[in-house]
C-alpha atoms as a PDB file:
ATOM      1  CA  UNK A   1     -20.137  21.724  16.851  1.00  0.00           C
ATOM      2  CA  UNK A   2     -22.877  20.776  19.668  1.00  0.00           C
ATOM      3  CA  UNK A   3     -23.857  23.280  22.129  1.00  0.00           C
ATOM      4  CA  UNK A   4     -24.036  20.582  25.101  1.00  0.00           C
ATOM      5  CA  UNK A   5     -20.338  19.838  26.020  1.00  0.00           C
ATOM      6  CA  UNK A   6     -18.987  16.465  26.314  1.00  0.00           C
ATOM      7  CA  UNK A   7     -16.342  15.188  28.971  1.00  0.00           C
ATOM      8  CA  UNK A   8     -13.890  12.483  29.564  1.00  0.00           C
ATOM      9  CA  UNK A   9     -10.333  12.119  31.467  1.00  0.00           C
ATOM     10  CA  UNK A  10      -7.287  11.210  29.299  1.00  0.00           C
ATOM     11  CA  UNK A  11      -3.779  11.425  29.698  1.00  0.00           C
ATOM     12  CA  UNK A  12      -0.922  13.863  27.793  1.00  0.00           C
ATOM     13  CA  UNK A  13       0.969  11.779  25.745  1.00  0.00           C
ATOM     14  CA  UNK A  14       2.239  14.631  23.726  1.00  0.00           C
ATOM     15  CA  UNK A  15       2.666  18.434  24.182  1.00  0.00           C
ATOM     16  CA  UNK A  16       2.980  21.256  20.860  1.00  0.00           C
ATOM     17  CA  UNK A  17       2.762  25.037  23.181  1.00  0.00           C
ATOM     18  CA  UNK A  18       2.769  27.843  20.674  1.00  0.00           C
ATOM     19  CA  UNK A  19       3.001  31.413  21.207  1.00  0.00           C
ATOM     20  CA  UNK A  20      -0.017  33.448  22.825  1.00  0.00           C
ATOM     21  CA  UNK A  21      -0.899  30.837  25.336  1.00  0.00           C
ATOM     22  CA  UNK A  22      -2.367  28.148  22.825  1.00  0.00           C
ATOM     23  CA  UNK A  23      -1.684  24.775  23.445  1.00  0.00           C
ATOM     24  CA  UNK A  24      -2.306  21.156  21.573  1.00  0.00           C
ATOM     25  CA  UNK A  25      -2.278  18.177  23.095  1.00  0.00           C
ATOM     26  CA  UNK A  26      -2.404  14.585  22.252  1.00  0.00           C
ATOM     27  CA  UNK A  27      -4.190  12.558  24.787  1.00  0.00           C
ATOM     28  CA  UNK A  28      -5.019   8.772  25.675  1.00  0.00           C
ATOM     29  CA  UNK A  29      -8.249   8.667  27.164  1.00  0.00           C
ATOM     30  CA  UNK A  30      -8.452   6.789  29.933  1.00  0.00           C
ATOM     31  CA  UNK A  31     -12.302   6.760  30.186  1.00  0.00           C
ATOM     32  CA  UNK A  32     -15.230   5.780  27.195  1.00  0.00           C
ATOM     33  CA  UNK A  33     -14.968   8.845  24.086  1.00  0.00           C
ATOM     34  CA  UNK A  34     -18.303  10.530  24.211  1.00  0.00           C
ATOM     35  CA  UNK A  35     -20.967   9.831  21.751  1.00  0.00           C
ATOM     36  CA  UNK A  36     -20.330  12.341  18.332  1.00  0.00           C
ATOM     37  CA  UNK A  37     -22.434  15.186  18.400  1.00  0.00           C
ATOM     38  CA  UNK A  38     -25.236  14.589  15.274  1.00  0.00           C
ATOM     39  CA  UNK A  39     -23.752  17.971  13.435  1.00  0.00           C
ATOM     40  CA  UNK A  40     -20.769  15.999  13.027  1.00  0.00           C
ATOM     41  CA  UNK A  41     -22.349  12.532  12.145  1.00  0.00           C
ATOM     42  CA  UNK A  42     -20.495  12.315   9.140  1.00  0.00           C
ATOM     43  CA  UNK A  43     -17.580  11.555  10.674  1.00  0.00           C
ATOM     44  CA  UNK A  44     -19.077   9.869  13.382  1.00  0.00           C
ATOM     45  CA  UNK A  45     -17.384   6.773  11.525  1.00  0.00           C
ATOM     46  CA  UNK A  46     -13.987   7.729  12.157  1.00  0.00           C
ATOM     47  CA  UNK A  47     -14.188   8.208  15.626  1.00  0.00           C
ATOM     48  CA  UNK A  48     -16.252   4.585  16.891  1.00  0.00           C
ATOM     49  CA  UNK A  49     -12.446   2.912  16.857  1.00  0.00           C
ATOM     50  CA  UNK A  50     -11.038   5.653  18.612  1.00  0.00           C
ATOM     51  CA  UNK A  51     -11.828   4.598  22.148  1.00  0.00           C
ATOM     52  CA  UNK A  52      -8.732   4.072  23.784  1.00  0.00           C
ATOM     53  CA  UNK A  53      -6.359   5.515  20.552  1.00  0.00           C
ATOM     54  CA  UNK A  54      -4.998   9.406  20.723  1.00  0.00           C
ATOM     55  CA  UNK A  55      -7.117  12.511  20.475  1.00  0.00           C
ATOM     56  CA  UNK A  56      -5.727  16.194  19.537  1.00  0.00           C
ATOM     57  CA  UNK A  57      -6.745  18.853  21.828  1.00  0.00           C
ATOM     58  CA  UNK A  58      -6.891  22.504  21.194  1.00  0.00           C
ATOM     59  CA  UNK A  59      -6.591  24.311  24.499  1.00  0.00           C
ATOM     60  CA  UNK A  60      -7.438  28.086  23.746  1.00  0.00           C
ATOM     61  CA  UNK A  61      -6.269  30.919  26.296  1.00  0.00           C
ATOM     62  CA  UNK A  62      -9.922  31.655  27.278  1.00  0.00           C
ATOM     63  CA  UNK A  63     -10.328  27.920  28.545  1.00  0.00           C
ATOM     64  CA  UNK A  64     -10.715  27.134  32.420  1.00  0.00           C
ATOM     65  CA  UNK A  65      -7.439  25.283  33.188  1.00  0.00           C
ATOM     66  CA  UNK A  66      -6.817  24.148  36.908  1.00  0.00           C
ATOM     67  CA  UNK A  67      -3.348  22.400  38.118  1.00  0.00           C
ATOM     68  CA  UNK A  68      -2.226  23.331  41.277  1.00  0.00           C
ATOM     69  CA  UNK A  69      -4.189  26.525  41.943  1.00  0.00           C
ATOM     70  CA  UNK A  70      -2.401  27.793  38.714  1.00  0.00           C
ATOM     71  CA  UNK A  71      -4.855  28.483  35.681  1.00  0.00           C
ATOM     72  CA  UNK A  72      -1.981  28.913  33.650  1.00  0.00           C
ATOM     73  CA  UNK A  73      -2.118  26.016  31.052  1.00  0.00           C
ATOM     74  CA  UNK A  74       1.383  26.392  29.780  1.00  0.00           C
ATOM     75  CA  UNK A  75       2.230  24.295  33.042  1.00  0.00           C
ATOM     76  CA  UNK A  76       0.869  21.037  31.321  1.00  0.00           C
ATOM     77  CA  UNK A  77       3.003  18.481  31.302  1.00  0.00           C
ATOM     78  CA  UNK A  78       2.978  14.707  29.861  1.00  0.00           C
ATOM     79  CA  UNK A  79       2.034  12.390  31.773  1.00  0.00           C
ATOM     80  CA  UNK A  80      -0.399  14.881  33.652  1.00  0.00           C
ATOM     81  CA  UNK A  81      -4.094  13.028  33.657  1.00  0.00           C
ATOM     82  CA  UNK A  82      -6.809  15.095  32.881  1.00  0.00           C
ATOM     83  CA  UNK A  83     -10.505  15.786  33.268  1.00  0.00           C
ATOM     84  CA  UNK A  84     -11.632  17.770  30.146  1.00  0.00           C
ATOM     85  CA  UNK A  85     -15.018  19.062  29.272  1.00  0.00           C
ATOM     86  CA  UNK A  86     -15.465  20.374  25.611  1.00  0.00           C
ATOM     87  CA  UNK A  87     -16.725  19.892  22.170  1.00  0.00           C
ATOM     88  CA  UNK A  88     -16.009  18.310  18.889  1.00  0.00           C
ATOM     89  CA  UNK A  89     -14.962  20.935  16.088  1.00  0.00           C
ATOM     90  CA  UNK A  90     -13.891  20.433  12.472  1.00  0.00           C
ATOM     91  CA  UNK A  91     -11.637  22.926  10.830  1.00  0.00           C
ATOM     92  CA  UNK A  92     -11.510  23.571   7.169  1.00  0.00           C
ATOM     93  CA  UNK A  93      -9.253  20.587   6.282  1.00  0.00           C
ATOM     94  CA  UNK A  94     -11.669  18.250   7.996  1.00  0.00           C
ATOM     95  CA  UNK A  95     -10.154  17.304  10.632  1.00  0.00           C
ATOM     96  CA  UNK A  96     -11.591  16.779  13.935  1.00  0.00           C
ATOM     97  CA  UNK A  97     -10.186  18.284  16.904  1.00  0.00           C
ATOM     98  CA  UNK A  98     -11.776  18.345  20.607  1.00  0.00           C
ATOM     99  CA  UNK A  99     -11.339  21.670  21.835  1.00  0.00           C
ATOM    100  CA  UNK A 100     -11.061  21.838  25.659  1.00  0.00           C
ATOM    101  CA  UNK A 101     -13.148  24.396  27.238  1.00  0.00           C
ATOM    102  CA  UNK A 102     -12.600  23.063  30.736  1.00  0.00           C
ATOM    103  CA  UNK A 103      -9.454  21.006  32.194  1.00  0.00           C
ATOM    104  CA  UNK A 104      -8.761  20.402  35.385  1.00  0.00           C
ATOM    105  CA  UNK A 105      -5.222  18.276  36.185  1.00  0.00           C
ATOM    106  CA  UNK A 106      -6.155  15.755  38.370  1.00  0.00           C
ATOM    107  CA  UNK A 107      -3.048  13.643  38.793  1.00  0.00           C
ATOM    108  CA  UNK A 108       0.016  12.419  37.543  1.00  0.00           C
ATOM    109  CA  UNK A 109       1.349   9.059  35.507  1.00  0.00           C
ATOM    110  CA  UNK A 110       4.864   7.671  34.383  1.00  0.00           C
ATOM    111  CA  UNK A 111       4.262   6.915  30.870  1.00  0.00           C
ATOM    112  CA  UNK A 112       6.026   6.072  28.094  1.00  0.00           C
ATOM    113  CA  UNK A 113       4.969   8.386  25.577  1.00  0.00           C
ATOM    114  CA  UNK A 114       6.910   7.167  22.326  1.00  0.00           C
ATOM    115  CA  UNK A 115       5.540   3.554  22.944  1.00  0.00           C
ATOM    116  CA  UNK A 116       2.039   4.864  23.174  1.00  0.00           C
ATOM    117  CA  UNK A 117       2.611   7.018  20.180  1.00  0.00           C
ATOM    118  CA  UNK A 118       3.559   4.032  17.608  1.00  0.00           C
ATOM    119  CA  UNK A 119       0.616   1.833  19.060  1.00  0.00           C
ATOM    120  CA  UNK A 120      -1.600   4.768  18.025  1.00  0.00           C
ATOM    121  CA  UNK A 121       0.195   4.712  14.719  1.00  0.00           C
ATOM    122  CA  UNK A 122      -0.296   1.173  13.823  1.00  0.00           C
ATOM    123  CA  UNK A 123      -4.103   1.501  14.901  1.00  0.00           C
ATOM    124  CA  UNK A 124      -4.369   4.040  12.602  1.00  0.00           C
ATOM    125  CA  UNK A 125      -3.029   1.733   9.628  1.00  0.00           C
ATOM    126  CA  UNK A 126      -4.848  -1.230  10.994  1.00  0.00           C
ATOM    127  CA  UNK A 127      -8.011   1.011  10.836  1.00  0.00           C
ATOM    128  CA  UNK A 128      -7.606   2.506   7.402  1.00  0.00           C
ATOM    129  CA  UNK A 129      -6.941  -0.746   6.172  1.00  0.00           C
ATOM    130  CA  UNK A 130     -10.280  -2.104   7.098  1.00  0.00           C
ATOM    131  CA  UNK A 131     -11.868   0.878   4.847  1.00  0.00           C
ATOM    132  CA  UNK A 132     -13.093   1.097   1.452  1.00  0.00           C
ATOM    133  CA  UNK A 133      -9.918   2.381  -0.166  1.00  0.00           C
ATOM    134  CA  UNK A 134     -12.169   5.915  -1.183  1.00  0.00           C
ATOM    135  CA  UNK A 135     -12.940   6.141   2.768  1.00  0.00           C
ATOM    136  CA  UNK A 136      -9.441   5.923   4.283  1.00  0.00           C
ATOM    137  CA  UNK A 137      -7.732   9.106   5.332  1.00  0.00           C
ATOM    138  CA  UNK A 138      -5.979  10.953   3.114  1.00  0.00           C
ATOM    139  CA  UNK A 139      -1.850  10.326   3.638  1.00  0.00           C
ATOM    140  CA  UNK A 140      -0.600  13.491   5.195  1.00  0.00           C
ATOM    141  CA  UNK A 141       2.402  13.382   2.864  1.00  0.00           C
ATOM    142  CA  UNK A 142       0.218  12.861  -0.530  1.00  0.00           C
ATOM    143  CA  UNK A 143      -1.593  15.968   0.895  1.00  0.00           C
ATOM    144  CA  UNK A 144       1.477  18.413   1.666  1.00  0.00           C
ATOM    145  CA  UNK A 145       2.907  17.686  -1.764  1.00  0.00           C
ATOM    146  CA  UNK A 146      -0.636  18.544  -3.473  1.00  0.00           C
ATOM    147  CA  UNK A 147      -0.182  22.053  -1.686  1.00  0.00           C
ATOM    148  CA  UNK A 148       3.242  22.504  -2.847  1.00  0.00           C
ATOM    149  CA  UNK A 149       4.808  22.280   0.548  1.00  0.00           C
ATOM    150  CA  UNK A 150       7.818  20.205   0.830  1.00  0.00           C
ATOM    151  CA  UNK A 151       7.002  16.361   1.187  1.00  0.00           C
ATOM    152  CA  UNK A 152       9.205  13.113   2.081  1.00  0.00           C
ATOM    153  CA  UNK A 153       8.529  10.281   4.150  1.00  0.00           C
ATOM    154  CA  UNK A 154       5.872   8.115   2.647  1.00  0.00           C
ATOM    155  CA  UNK A 155       6.849   6.239  -1.065  1.00  0.00           C
ATOM    156  CA  UNK A 156       3.010   4.971  -1.269  1.00  0.00           C
ATOM    157  CA  UNK A 157       4.390   1.385  -0.963  1.00  0.00           C
ATOM    158  CA  UNK A 158       3.107  -0.131   1.904  1.00  0.00           C
ATOM    159  CA  UNK A 159       1.141   2.976   3.196  1.00  0.00           C
ATOM    160  CA  UNK A 160      -2.503   2.214   4.350  1.00  0.00           C
ATOM    161  CA  UNK A 161      -3.668   5.840   3.879  1.00  0.00           C
ATOM    162  CA  UNK A 162      -5.550   7.140   0.596  1.00  0.00           C
ATOM    163  CA  UNK A 163      -2.857   8.772  -2.395  1.00  0.00           C
ATOM    164  CA  UNK A 164      -6.055  10.299  -4.332  1.00  0.00           C
ATOM    165  CA  UNK A 165      -8.326  12.761  -4.186  1.00  0.00           C
ATOM    166  CA  UNK A 166     -11.952  11.834  -4.192  1.00  0.00           C
ATOM    167  CA  UNK A 167     -14.284  14.353  -5.346  1.00  0.00           C
ATOM    168  CA  UNK A 168     -14.080  18.074  -6.814  1.00  0.00           C
ATOM    169  CA  UNK A 169     -14.896  19.347  -3.504  1.00  0.00           C
ATOM    170  CA  UNK A 170     -11.302  18.411  -1.857  1.00  0.00           C
ATOM    171  CA  UNK A 171      -9.868  19.235  -5.289  1.00  0.00           C
ATOM    172  CA  UNK A 172     -10.700  22.258  -4.891  1.00  0.00           C
ATOM    173  CA  UNK A 173     -10.063  21.850  -1.025  1.00  0.00           C
ATOM    174  CA  UNK A 174      -6.510  21.651  -1.870  1.00  0.00           C
ATOM    175  CA  UNK A 175      -6.455  24.711  -4.382  1.00  0.00           C
ATOM    176  CA  UNK A 176      -7.627  26.434  -1.716  1.00  0.00           C
ATOM    177  CA  UNK A 177      -4.719  25.323   0.774  1.00  0.00           C
ATOM    178  CA  UNK A 178      -2.108  26.098  -1.443  1.00  0.00           C
ATOM    179  CA  UNK A 179      -3.575  29.782  -2.468  1.00  0.00           C
ATOM    180  CA  UNK A 180      -3.076  30.392   1.227  1.00  0.00           C
ATOM    181  CA  UNK A 181       0.262  29.024   1.699  1.00  0.00           C
ATOM    182  CA  UNK A 182       1.310  30.846  -1.224  1.00  0.00           C
ATOM    183  CA  UNK A 183      -0.210  34.199  -0.010  1.00  0.00           C
ATOM    184  CA  UNK A 184       1.885  33.555   3.443  1.00  0.00           C
ATOM    185  CA  UNK A 185       5.070  32.515   1.583  1.00  0.00           C
ATOM    186  CA  UNK A 186       4.692  36.471  -0.346  1.00  0.00           C
ATOM    187  CA  UNK A 187       4.197  37.977   2.693  1.00  0.00           C
ATOM    188  CA  UNK A 188       7.349  36.769   3.890  1.00  0.00           C
ATOM    189  CA  UNK A 189       9.542  37.470   0.817  1.00  0.00           C
ATOM    190  CA  UNK A 190       7.918  41.046   1.439  1.00  0.00           C
ATOM    191  CA  UNK A 191       9.134  41.205   4.963  1.00  0.00           C
ATOM    192  CA  UNK A 192      12.390  39.645   4.537  1.00  0.00           C
ATOM    193  CA  UNK A 193      12.916  42.293   1.587  1.00  0.00           C
ATOM    194  CA  UNK A 194      12.153  44.952   3.907  1.00  0.00           C
ATOM    195  CA  UNK A 195      14.321  43.566   6.575  1.00  0.00           C
ATOM    196  CA  UNK A 196      15.917  40.374   6.417  1.00  0.00           C
ATOM    197  CA  UNK A 197      16.071  39.678   9.773  1.00  0.00           C
ATOM    198  CA  UNK A 198      12.646  39.605  10.356  1.00  0.00           C
ATOM    199  CA  UNK A 199      12.454  35.924   8.238  1.00  0.00           C
ATOM    200  CA  UNK A 200      10.294  33.962  10.759  1.00  0.00           C
ATOM    201  CA  UNK A 201       9.982  30.851   8.400  1.00  0.00           C
ATOM    202  CA  UNK A 202      11.260  27.023   8.904  1.00  0.00           C
ATOM    203  CA  UNK A 203      14.915  26.795   8.367  1.00  0.00           C
ATOM    204  CA  UNK A 204      14.232  24.602   4.873  1.00  0.00           C
ATOM    205  CA  UNK A 205      12.393  27.686   3.521  1.00  0.00           C
ATOM    206  CA  UNK A 206      14.848  30.428   5.041  1.00  0.00           C
ATOM    207  CA  UNK A 207      17.309  29.222   2.493  1.00  0.00           C
ATOM    208  CA  UNK A 208      15.017  29.453  -0.330  1.00  0.00           C
ATOM    209  CA  UNK A 209      13.479  32.717   0.659  1.00  0.00           C
ATOM    210  CA  UNK A 210      17.029  34.010   1.482  1.00  0.00           C
ATOM    211  CA  UNK A 211      18.571  32.972  -1.843  1.00  0.00           C
ATOM    212  CA  UNK A 212      15.699  34.349  -4.001  1.00  0.00           C
ATOM    213  CA  UNK A 213      16.455  37.624  -1.831  1.00  0.00           C
ATOM    214  CA  UNK A 214      19.683  37.596  -3.243  1.00  0.00           C
ATOM    215  CA  UNK A 215      18.845  36.665  -6.583  1.00  0.00           C
ATOM    216  CA  UNK A 216      16.817  40.213  -6.155  1.00  0.00           C
ATOM    217  CA  UNK A 217      18.971  42.369  -4.578  1.00  0.00           C
ATOM    218  CA  UNK A 218      21.935  41.244  -6.375  1.00  0.00           C
ATOM    219  CA  UNK A 219      21.333  39.427  -9.397  1.00  0.00           C
ATOM    220  CA  UNK A 220      22.444  36.122 -10.784  1.00  0.00           C
ATOM    221  CA  UNK A 221      25.118  37.870 -13.276  1.00  0.00           C
ATOM    222  CA  UNK A 222      26.973  39.656 -10.529  1.00  0.00           C
ATOM    223  CA  UNK A 223      26.770  36.549  -7.842  1.00  0.00           C
ATOM    224  CA  UNK A 224      28.403  34.155 -10.270  1.00  0.00           C
ATOM    225  CA  UNK A 225      30.963  36.461 -11.369  1.00  0.00           C
ATOM    226  CA  UNK A 226      34.711  35.018 -10.460  1.00  0.00           C
ATOM    227  CA  UNK A 227      34.731  31.692  -8.558  1.00  0.00           C
ATOM    228  CA  UNK A 228      30.913  32.286  -7.398  1.00  0.00           C
ATOM    229  CA  UNK A 229      30.376  32.691  -3.887  1.00  0.00           C
ATOM    230  CA  UNK A 230      31.433  31.622  -0.899  1.00  0.00           C
ATOM    231  CA  UNK A 231      28.966  30.704   2.400  1.00  0.00           C
ATOM    232  CA  UNK A 232      30.861  30.829   5.431  1.00  0.00           C
ATOM    233  CA  UNK A 233      29.644  28.823   8.274  1.00  0.00           C
ATOM    234  CA  UNK A 234      27.171  27.391   5.776  1.00  0.00           C
ATOM    235  CA  UNK A 235      26.327  24.154   7.854  1.00  0.00           C
ATOM    236  CA  UNK A 236      24.628  21.593   5.966  1.00  0.00           C
ATOM    237  CA  UNK A 237      25.079  24.189   2.628  1.00  0.00           C
ATOM    238  CA  UNK A 238      21.091  24.525   2.286  1.00  0.00           C
ATOM    239  CA  UNK A 239      21.803  28.053   0.981  1.00  0.00           C
ATOM    240  CA  UNK A 240      24.892  27.250  -1.089  1.00  0.00           C
ATOM    241  CA  UNK A 241      22.344  24.047  -2.510  1.00  0.00           C
ATOM    242  CA  UNK A 242      19.342  26.137  -3.459  1.00  0.00           C
ATOM    243  CA  UNK A 243      22.496  29.034  -5.026  1.00  0.00           C
ATOM    244  CA  UNK A 244      24.004  26.266  -7.388  1.00  0.00           C
ATOM    245  CA  UNK A 245      22.063  23.426  -8.248  1.00  0.00           C
ATOM    246  CA  UNK A 246      18.392  25.665  -8.382  1.00  0.00           C
ATOM    247  CA  UNK A 247      19.562  28.538 -10.133  1.00  0.00           C
ATOM    248  CA  UNK A 248      23.067  27.825 -11.663  1.00  0.00           C
ATOM    249  CA  UNK A 249      25.374  30.300  -9.366  1.00  0.00           C
ATOM    250  CA  UNK A 250      28.572  28.523  -8.178  1.00  0.00           C
ATOM    251  CA  UNK A 251      28.683  28.101  -4.310  1.00  0.00           C
ATOM    252  CA  UNK A 252      31.352  26.719  -2.012  1.00  0.00           C
ATOM    253  CA  UNK A 253      30.695  26.245   2.047  1.00  0.00           C
ATOM    254  CA  UNK A 254      33.587  27.126   4.342  1.00  0.00           C
ATOM    255  CA  UNK A 255      32.849  25.027   7.617  1.00  0.00           C
ATOM    256  CA  UNK A 256      35.332  23.058   9.685  1.00  0.00           C
ATOM    257  CA  UNK A 257      32.326  20.370  10.888  1.00  0.00           C
ATOM    258  CA  UNK A 258      31.934  17.120   8.703  1.00  0.00           C
ATOM    259  CA  UNK A 259      29.386  17.230   5.857  1.00  0.00           C
ATOM    260  CA  UNK A 260      27.245  14.383   5.615  1.00  0.00           C
ATOM    261  CA  UNK A 261      27.040  12.315   2.572  1.00  0.00           C
ATOM    262  CA  UNK A 262      24.216  13.820  -0.057  1.00  0.00           C
ATOM    263  CA  UNK A 263      20.767  11.694   0.684  1.00  0.00           C
ATOM    264  CA  UNK A 264      19.098   9.543  -2.176  1.00  0.00           C
ATOM    265  CA  UNK A 265      16.579  12.670  -2.596  1.00  0.00           C
ATOM    266  CA  UNK A 266      19.194  14.990  -3.640  1.00  0.00           C
ATOM    267  CA  UNK A 267      20.930  12.813  -5.965  1.00  0.00           C
ATOM    268  CA  UNK A 268      17.763  12.189  -7.474  1.00  0.00           C
ATOM    269  CA  UNK A 269      17.475  16.172  -7.695  1.00  0.00           C
ATOM    270  CA  UNK A 270      20.703  16.854  -8.784  1.00  0.00           C
ATOM    271  CA  UNK A 271      20.320  13.762 -12.223  1.00  0.00           C
ATOM    272  CA  UNK A 272      16.379  15.260 -12.806  1.00  0.00           C
ATOM    273  CA  UNK A 273      18.490  18.899 -13.407  1.00  0.00           C
ATOM    274  CA  UNK A 274      20.783  17.769 -14.925  1.00  0.00           C
ATOM    275  CA  UNK A 275      23.456  18.883 -12.495  1.00  0.00           C
ATOM    276  CA  UNK A 276      26.990  17.308 -12.376  1.00  0.00           C
ATOM    277  CA  UNK A 277      27.216  17.887  -8.253  1.00  0.00           C
ATOM    278  CA  UNK A 278      26.348  20.066  -5.724  1.00  0.00           C
ATOM    279  CA  UNK A 279      28.395  23.176  -3.797  1.00  0.00           C
ATOM    280  CA  UNK A 280      32.178  22.955  -3.132  1.00  0.00           C
ATOM    281  CA  UNK A 281      32.697  22.120   0.590  1.00  0.00           C
ATOM    282  CA  UNK A 282      36.212  23.179   2.255  1.00  0.00           C
ATOM    283  CA  UNK A 283      36.737  21.731   5.568  1.00  0.00           C
ATOM    284  CA  UNK A 284      38.239  25.256   7.512  1.00  0.00           C
ATOM    285  CA  UNK A 285      38.100  27.884  10.149  1.00  0.00           C
ATOM    286  CA  UNK A 286      37.437  30.925   7.987  1.00  0.00           C
ATOM    287  CA  UNK A 287      40.143  33.076   9.955  1.00  0.00           C
ATOM    288  CA  UNK A 288      43.216  35.262   9.261  1.00  0.00           C
ATOM    289  CA  UNK A 289      45.072  31.777   8.541  1.00  0.00           C
ATOM    290  CA  UNK A 290      42.544  30.739   5.602  1.00  0.00           C
ATOM    291  CA  UNK A 291      44.055  33.123   2.849  1.00  0.00           C
ATOM    292  CA  UNK A 292      47.686  31.717   3.310  1.00  0.00           C
ATOM    293  CA  UNK A 293      46.779  29.455   0.545  1.00  0.00           C
ATOM    294  CA  UNK A 294      47.025  30.793  -3.163  1.00  0.00           C
ATOM    295  CA  UNK A 295      44.257  28.276  -3.703  1.00  0.00           C
ATOM    296  CA  UNK A 296      41.719  29.997  -1.326  1.00  0.00           C
ATOM    297  CA  UNK A 297      42.617  33.627  -2.369  1.00  0.00           C
ATOM    298  CA  UNK A 298      41.295  32.844  -6.257  1.00  0.00           C
ATOM    299  CA  UNK A 299      37.268  31.591  -4.921  1.00  0.00           C
ATOM    300  CA  UNK A 300      36.990  35.157  -3.119  1.00  0.00           C
ATOM    301  CA  UNK A 301      33.813  36.782  -4.865  1.00  0.00           C
ATOM    302  CA  UNK A 302      30.850  37.433  -3.286  1.00  0.00           C
ATOM    303  CA  UNK A 303      30.846  36.529   0.072  1.00  0.00           C
ATOM    304  CA  UNK A 304      27.550  35.306   2.546  1.00  0.00           C
ATOM    305  CA  UNK A 305      28.092  35.292   6.278  1.00  0.00           C
ATOM    306  CA  UNK A 306      25.614  34.104   8.361  1.00  0.00           C
ATOM    307  CA  UNK A 307      24.742  34.893  11.673  1.00  0.00           C
ATOM    308  CA  UNK A 308      23.115  31.753  12.844  1.00  0.00           C
ATOM    309  CA  UNK A 309      19.366  32.392  13.498  1.00  0.00           C
ATOM    310  CA  UNK A 310      19.454  35.871  13.702  1.00  0.00           C
ATOM    311  CA  UNK A 311      19.860  36.476  10.060  1.00  0.00           C
ATOM    312  CA  UNK A 312      22.449  37.212   7.536  1.00  0.00           C
ATOM    313  CA  UNK A 313      24.766  40.134   6.404  1.00  0.00           C
ATOM    314  CA  UNK A 314      25.989  40.374   3.396  1.00  0.00           C
ATOM    315  CA  UNK A 315      29.192  41.563   2.326  1.00  0.00           C
ATOM    316  CA  UNK A 316      30.269  42.278  -1.777  1.00  0.00           C
ATOM    317  CA  UNK A 317      34.117  42.655  -2.539  1.00  0.00           C
END
């Protein structure tokens, strides 16, 4: 970090507002980007090309912010023109971020944020292709796969970014990030075990954590009795998918909504695990008329009722 603040003007292109007042803003500079502090000289090559590209600003609650005589930067909007004073910082992942300590909104303009973002992505690709392969930025999808996170969207073919780790330091960094991620997931599972309503994980992870909770609490043998598990209002069937495909517990989704075709990634998963098919789907409302047919009566063994985002209620017959 440098003790002397840098100043530039920029327009807000994208916003990500988090709890406790934290705001991340992707901005497009309208004035020249300040010289990189000597403390970050090893990253200066990455910044030389960034004039008129996008920069990520981190606005913390202690920032001095002003918009229409208000100091609440949760009021920040896409299109706002900012005068920013702050410091360059590099996090534990090596990512460079400009921390805005003093931010003032000096105006607003109409922008096409999607077009600006796409143009920035193209510049990033062009920049990466000009670098030797070992000096290219690490592909974010490859990085996610290295720390055990779900990753899709990059097949490496045509991707200009790096898909290998260059040294032992980078490998050690990935190991440490994976350790921290695993630790956070373990904490989440403990919270879920205490109170299933406390689960705040992303939707994809919620299904995995909930299935693990079911297996730990009830057991695979009990869940698999009879015709298996009924997933009421199961939506896309993520819970049932993890039960049947990943854990061998037969499951049936009951939901009136149309089910989308299985994606290529899931078809590969079925083939890899040697499973014939995913969970069965019954398009119907689960009401008084549902059990009028003999076919529907025989599938009752264990019912999982999901209450949207508020949690789960488990009923065992």
